[in-house]
Amino acid sequence: MPKRNDKSRESSSWPGGAGWILAAGLAVGLHLSLRSQEPPPSPPVPTTVSLATALAESGFVVRGQGARGTCSVFVVAQALEVALAKRRGKAVRLSPEFLNWATNAATGRTDDGDFFHHCLEGFAKYGICAEGDLEYRSTYVQDLVPPPSALEAARVLGGAHADALKVHWIQTLPKQPGITRAHLEEIKRRLREGWPVAGGSYHSVLFIGYRDAVEDGTVGVLIARDSARVADIEISYEEALRRFGDVFWIEGHPENPAETKLPDLRPGR
């Protein structure tokens, strides 16, 4: 009787024979193909972000409100500065004095400083002009009326682009101060995208960065632009959770991307 040493016959004696080998090869090939189509892994989330340098390169350095209670007006003006600069492709310092007037003109109030939503109402109705068209005053003038040139400049500069800007509320004004951990993470996410975030409180500030806690015992902090101290300060995450109420950011994308000269504010770009 012939010996069963034929290799082809030996292979055919495996479970499934040649068909099993073919199926296994196809499975491996399909697995490799699917793996090649998988998106690359996401980069690690940065533990430190600061927009300060990019803002300074665009001419947006910290400004002081003096002895007036206009912190919220300054914060809204600064948030508008970045959004309008991204929209128009160039940076212009905006006038908190005009925005303060526009807020009162739109709401019928006579306050020196107001809530975020009232300031945004004033911008939506009257726009905003450059700082040079109506400079900030050291004292509040209740019966101030902007000259016609400033009103026209505000219509052209702010009003013409108001519909192209989008206000995103992370939290509207609550009955009691306080934000959640989810709100805090949303603030940090928008900062990573290059958008400053406005934080409303008994003293409002503009968030321009953050630094997470590390193993040496330091606490996580938000970096905030403070117009009263005329400095960028640090606010711990725990204080921010207790202190802040209404929080928003303003989105403004380039009207003509090819002509944009404003530095990309996204960290690491």
Foldseek 3Di string as FASTA:
>chain_A
DDDPPDVQVVQCPPVVRPNVVVVVVVVVVVVVVVVVPDDDDDDDDDQKFFLQVLCVVQVNAFAAPAPFQAQLLVQLQSLVQVQLCQAAQHGFRWASLQLQVLLCVQPVDQGRHDDNVSSLSSCQVQATAGCVQPPRDNDDDRPDDRDPVRSVRRCVRGVVCVVQKDKDWLAAFDPAFFDDPVSVVVCQVVLLQQWWKWWDFSRIWIFRMWHPDDPVPDAIWTWTRHNNVSDTDTDGPVRNRRTTGIMIHMHHHYPDVVSRPRDRSRPPD
